[in-house]
Amino acid sequence: MSEADVARAEAEVVATRERLLATTHALQARLSPSVLASEAWETAREKSAEAATGAARAIGKRPIAASAAAIGVAALVARKPIARLIARLRGKDQ
């Protein structure tokens, strides 16, 4: 191996080391907690917007079914207050 070959190999090692360090720094930047949180937030926001758009289209296509579903969900969420109201009304009638 000549001195030129050794110098070329050393230069290649230096260049490879610099590329590796640059890649490592880029990965560290992309994997920082703030960047990951920001990307997660952006993804969640995009998915929420897509879901809202899809829901709006579904409601537009079937407003009666959507209203019935909304009433069902509201009744499920408010079942305890509704049950207390019915119990009070029954108690006053007797």
N, C-alpha and C. Protein backbone atom coordinates (compact mmCIF):
# COMPACT_ATOMS: atom_id res chain seq x y z
N MET A 1 0.86 -1.17 0.00
CA MET A 1 0.00 0.00 0.00
C MET A 1 0.91 1.24 0.00
N SER A 2 0.64 2.12 -0.91
CA SER A 2 1.48 3.31 -1.03
C SER A 2 0.98 4.39 -0.07
N GLU A 3 1.79 5.40 0.05
CA GLU A 3 1.42 6.52 0.93
C GLU A 3 0.18 7.23 0.41
N ALA A 4 -0.01 7.27 -0.88
CA ALA A 4 -1.20 7.90 -1.48
C ALA A 4 -2.44 7.10 -1.11
N ASP A 5 -2.32 5.77 -1.12
CA ASP A 5 -3.45 4.93 -0.73
C ASP A 5 -3.80 5.14 0.73
N VAL A 6 -2.80 5.24 1.57
CA VAL A 6 -3.02 5.46 3.01
C VAL A 6 -3.68 6.83 3.22
N ALA A 7 -3.21 7.83 2.53
CA ALA A 7 -3.78 9.18 2.68
C ALA A 7 -5.22 9.20 2.20
N ARG A 8 -5.49 8.50 1.09
CA ARG A 8 -6.87 8.42 0.59
C ARG A 8 -7.78 7.70 1.59
N ALA A 9 -7.27 6.60 2.16
CA ALA A 9 -8.05 5.85 3.15
C ALA A 9 -8.31 6.70 4.39
N GLU A 10 -7.31 7.45 4.83
CA GLU A 10 -7.49 8.32 6.00
C GLU A 10 -8.51 9.42 5.71
N ALA A 11 -8.45 9.98 4.50
CA ALA A 11 -9.41 11.01 4.12
C ALA A 11 -10.82 10.43 4.07
N GLU A 12 -10.93 9.19 3.58
CA GLU A 12 -12.24 8.54 3.54
C GLU A 12 -12.76 8.28 4.95
N VAL A 13 -11.89 7.91 5.86
CA VAL A 13 -12.28 7.69 7.26
C VAL A 13 -12.78 9.00 7.87
N VAL A 14 -12.06 10.08 7.62
CA VAL A 14 -12.46 11.38 8.15
C VAL A 14 -13.83 11.79 7.58
N ALA A 15 -14.01 11.62 6.28
CA ALA A 15 -15.27 11.99 5.64
C ALA A 15 -16.42 11.14 6.18
N THR A 16 -16.17 9.84 6.35
CA THR A 16 -17.20 8.95 6.88
C THR A 16 -17.55 9.33 8.32
N ARG A 17 -16.55 9.65 9.12
CA ARG A 17 -16.78 10.06 10.51
C ARG A 17 -17.61 11.35 10.55
N GLU A 18 -17.32 12.29 9.67
CA GLU A 18 -18.08 13.54 9.63
C GLU A 18 -19.53 13.29 9.22
N ARG A 19 -19.75 12.40 8.25
CA ARG A 19 -21.13 12.07 7.84
C ARG A 19 -21.87 11.39 9.00
N LEU A 20 -21.18 10.50 9.69
CA LEU A 20 -21.79 9.82 10.82
C LEU A 20 -22.15 10.81 11.93
N LEU A 21 -21.28 11.73 12.22
CA LEU A 21 -21.56 12.74 13.24
C LEU A 21 -22.72 13.64 12.81
N ALA A 22 -22.75 14.01 11.54
CA ALA A 22 -23.85 14.84 11.04
C ALA A 22 -25.18 14.09 11.16
N THR A 23 -25.17 12.81 10.82
CA THR A 23 -26.38 12.00 10.94
C THR A 23 -26.81 11.89 12.40
N THR A 24 -25.85 11.69 13.28
CA THR A 24 -26.15 11.59 14.71
C THR A 24 -26.76 12.88 15.24
N HIS A 25 -26.21 14.02 14.84
CA HIS A 25 -26.77 15.31 15.28
C HIS A 25 -28.18 15.52 14.73
N ALA A 26 -28.37 15.12 13.48
CA ALA A 26 -29.71 15.25 12.89
C ALA A 26 -30.72 14.38 13.63
N LEU A 27 -30.32 13.16 13.99
CA LEU A 27 -31.22 12.28 14.74
C LEU A 27 -31.51 12.85 16.13
N GLN A 28 -30.50 13.38 16.78
CA GLN A 28 -30.72 13.98 18.10
C GLN A 28 -31.70 15.13 18.01
N ALA A 29 -31.59 15.92 16.97
CA ALA A 29 -32.51 17.04 16.81
C ALA A 29 -33.93 16.55 16.56
N ARG A 30 -34.08 15.53 15.73
CA ARG A 30 -35.42 15.01 15.41
C ARG A 30 -36.05 14.27 16.57
N LEU A 31 -35.23 13.69 17.44
CA LEU A 31 -35.74 12.90 18.54
C LEU A 31 -35.81 13.66 19.87
N SER A 32 -35.62 14.95 19.82
CA SER A 32 -35.73 15.72 21.06
C SER A 32 -37.18 15.73 21.52
N PRO A 33 -37.42 15.77 22.81
CA PRO A 33 -38.78 15.71 23.33
C PRO A 33 -39.70 16.81 22.78
N SER A 34 -39.17 17.99 22.62
CA SER A 34 -40.02 19.08 22.12
C SER A 34 -40.45 18.83 20.67
N VAL A 35 -39.54 18.31 19.85
CA VAL A 35 -39.88 18.02 18.46
C VAL A 35 -40.88 16.87 18.39
N LEU A 36 -40.66 15.83 19.19
CA LEU A 36 -41.59 14.70 19.21
C LEU A 36 -42.98 15.14 19.67
N ALA A 37 -43.03 15.97 20.71
CA ALA A 37 -44.32 16.45 21.20
C ALA A 37 -45.01 17.32 20.15
N SER A 38 -44.26 18.15 19.49
CA SER A 38 -44.82 19.01 18.46
C SER A 38 -45.39 18.18 17.30
N GLU A 39 -44.65 17.16 16.87
CA GLU A 39 -45.13 16.31 15.80
C GLU A 39 -46.37 15.53 16.22
N ALA A 40 -46.39 15.05 17.47
CA ALA A 40 -47.55 14.32 17.96
C ALA A 40 -48.77 15.23 18.01
N TRP A 41 -48.57 16.47 18.46
CA TRP A 41 -49.67 17.43 18.52
C TRP A 41 -50.21 17.72 17.12
N GLU A 42 -49.32 17.92 16.18
CA GLU A 42 -49.72 18.21 14.80
C GLU A 42 -50.51 17.04 14.20
N THR A 43 -50.03 15.83 14.44
CA THR A 43 -50.73 14.64 13.94
C THR A 43 -52.11 14.52 14.56
N ALA A 44 -52.20 14.74 15.87
CA ALA A 44 -53.49 14.65 16.54
C ALA A 44 -54.45 15.71 16.01
N ARG A 45 -53.94 16.90 15.77
CA ARG A 45 -54.78 17.98 15.25
C ARG A 45 -55.29 17.65 13.85
N GLU A 46 -54.42 17.10 13.02
CA GLU A 46 -54.84 16.73 11.66
C GLU A 46 -55.89 15.62 11.70
N LYS A 47 -55.68 14.61 12.55
CA LYS A 47 -56.64 13.51 12.64
C LYS A 47 -57.97 14.00 13.19
N SER A 48 -57.93 14.92 14.14
CA SER A 48 -59.17 15.48 14.69
C SER A 48 -59.94 16.25 13.62
N ALA A 49 -59.22 17.00 12.82
CA ALA A 49 -59.87 17.76 11.74
C ALA A 49 -60.49 16.81 10.72
N GLU A 50 -59.78 15.72 10.40
CA GLU A 50 -60.33 14.74 9.47
C GLU A 50 -61.58 14.08 10.04
N ALA A 51 -61.54 13.75 11.34
CA ALA A 51 -62.69 13.12 11.97
C ALA A 51 -63.88 14.07 12.01
N ALA A 52 -63.63 15.34 12.30
CA ALA A 52 -64.70 16.32 12.33
C ALA A 52 -65.32 16.51 10.95
N THR A 53 -64.49 16.53 9.94
CA THR A 53 -64.99 16.66 8.58
C THR A 53 -65.84 15.45 8.20
N GLY A 54 -65.36 14.28 8.54
CA GLY A 54 -66.11 13.07 8.26
C GLY A 54 -67.43 13.04 9.01
N ALA A 55 -67.43 13.47 10.26
CA ALA A 55 -68.66 13.51 11.04
C ALA A 55 -69.65 14.52 10.45
N ALA A 56 -69.15 15.65 10.03
CA ALA A 56 -70.03 16.66 9.43
C ALA A 56 -70.67 16.13 8.14
N ARG A 57 -69.89 15.42 7.36
CA ARG A 57 -70.45 14.84 6.12
C ARG A 57 -71.51 13.78 6.45
N ALA A 58 -71.22 12.96 7.46
CA ALA A 58 -72.18 11.91 7.84
C ALA A 58 -73.47 12.52 8.36
N ILE A 59 -73.35 13.58 9.15
CA ILE A 59 -74.54 14.26 9.68
C ILE A 59 -75.32 14.88 8.54
N GLY A 60 -74.63 15.44 7.56
CA GLY A 60 -75.31 16.05 6.42
C GLY A 60 -76.07 15.03 5.59
N LYS A 61 -75.53 13.81 5.51
CA LYS A 61 -76.19 12.77 4.72
C LYS A 61 -77.39 12.17 5.45
N ARG A 62 -77.30 12.05 6.77
CA ARG A 62 -78.37 11.42 7.56
C ARG A 62 -78.63 12.22 8.83
N PRO A 63 -79.29 13.34 8.71
CA PRO A 63 -79.49 14.19 9.90
C PRO A 63 -80.39 13.55 10.96
N ILE A 64 -81.38 12.77 10.55
CA ILE A 64 -82.29 12.16 11.53
C ILE A 64 -81.54 11.10 12.34
N ALA A 65 -80.78 10.26 11.66
CA ALA A 65 -80.02 9.23 12.37
C ALA A 65 -78.98 9.88 13.29
N ALA A 66 -78.35 10.94 12.83
CA ALA A 66 -77.35 11.62 13.65
C ALA A 66 -78.01 12.26 14.88
N SER A 67 -79.20 12.82 14.70
CA SER A 67 -79.91 13.42 15.84
C SER A 67 -80.30 12.34 16.84
N ALA A 68 -80.77 11.20 16.35
CA ALA A 68 -81.14 10.10 17.24
C ALA A 68 -79.93 9.60 18.02
N ALA A 69 -78.80 9.49 17.35
CA ALA A 69 -77.58 9.06 18.02
C ALA A 69 -77.14 10.07 19.07
N ALA A 70 -77.24 11.35 18.75
CA ALA A 70 -76.86 12.40 19.71
C ALA A 70 -77.77 12.36 20.93
N ILE A 71 -79.05 12.16 20.70
CA ILE A 71 -79.99 12.08 21.82
C ILE A 71 -79.66 10.86 22.68
N GLY A 72 -79.34 9.74 22.05
CA GLY A 72 -78.97 8.54 22.80
C GLY A 72 -77.73 8.75 23.65
N VAL A 73 -76.73 9.39 23.08
CA VAL A 73 -75.50 9.66 23.84
C VAL A 73 -75.79 10.62 24.98
N ALA A 74 -76.58 11.65 24.73
CA ALA A 74 -76.91 12.61 25.78
C ALA A 74 -77.68 11.91 26.91
N ALA A 75 -78.60 11.01 26.55
CA ALA A 75 -79.36 10.28 27.58
C ALA A 75 -78.43 9.38 28.38
N LEU A 76 -77.48 8.76 27.72
CA LEU A 76 -76.52 7.90 28.42
C LEU A 76 -75.67 8.71 29.39
N VAL A 77 -75.20 9.86 28.94
CA VAL A 77 -74.36 10.70 29.78
C VAL A 77 -75.16 11.25 30.97
N ALA A 78 -76.41 11.62 30.73
CA ALA A 78 -77.23 12.26 31.78
C ALA A 78 -78.19 11.26 32.43
N ARG A 79 -77.87 9.97 32.43
CA ARG A 79 -78.83 8.99 32.94
C ARG A 79 -79.11 9.15 34.43
N LYS A 80 -78.13 9.49 35.24
CA LYS A 80 -78.37 9.65 36.68
C LYS A 80 -79.28 10.84 36.97
N PRO A 81 -79.02 12.03 36.40
CA PRO A 81 -79.94 13.14 36.64
C PRO A 81 -81.35 12.85 36.12
N ILE A 82 -81.44 12.16 35.00
CA ILE A 82 -82.76 11.81 34.45
C ILE A 82 -83.47 10.85 35.40
N ALA A 83 -82.74 9.86 35.93
CA ALA A 83 -83.34 8.91 36.87
C ALA A 83 -83.81 9.62 38.13
N ARG A 84 -83.04 10.57 38.64
CA ARG A 84 -83.46 11.33 39.84
C ARG A 84 -84.71 12.14 39.54
N LEU A 85 -84.77 12.75 38.36
CA LEU A 85 -85.95 13.53 37.98
C LEU A 85 -87.18 12.64 37.91
N ILE A 86 -87.05 11.48 37.30
CA ILE A 86 -88.19 10.55 37.22
C ILE A 86 -88.60 10.10 38.61
N ALA A 87 -87.63 9.80 39.46
CA ALA A 87 -87.96 9.39 40.82
C ALA A 87 -88.69 10.49 41.57
N ARG A 88 -88.26 11.74 41.41
CA ARG A 88 -88.95 12.86 42.06
C ARG A 88 -90.36 13.02 41.53
N LEU A 89 -90.52 12.89 40.23
CA LEU A 89 -91.84 13.03 39.64
C LEU A 89 -92.78 11.91 40.12
N ARG A 90 -92.30 10.71 40.24
CA ARG A 90 -93.11 9.59 40.75
C ARG A 90 -93.48 9.82 42.21
N GLY A 91 -92.55 10.36 42.96
CA GLY A 91 -92.82 10.59 44.39
C GLY A 91 -93.89 11.63 44.58
N LYS A 92 -94.00 12.62 43.71
CA LYS A 92 -95.00 13.68 43.85
C LYS A 92 -96.36 13.19 43.39
N ASP A 93 -96.40 12.25 42.45
CA ASP A 93 -97.67 11.76 41.94
C ASP A 93 -98.36 10.85 42.94
N GLN A 94 -97.62 10.14 43.78
CA GLN A 94 -98.22 9.16 44.68
C GLN A 94 -98.73 9.76 45.94
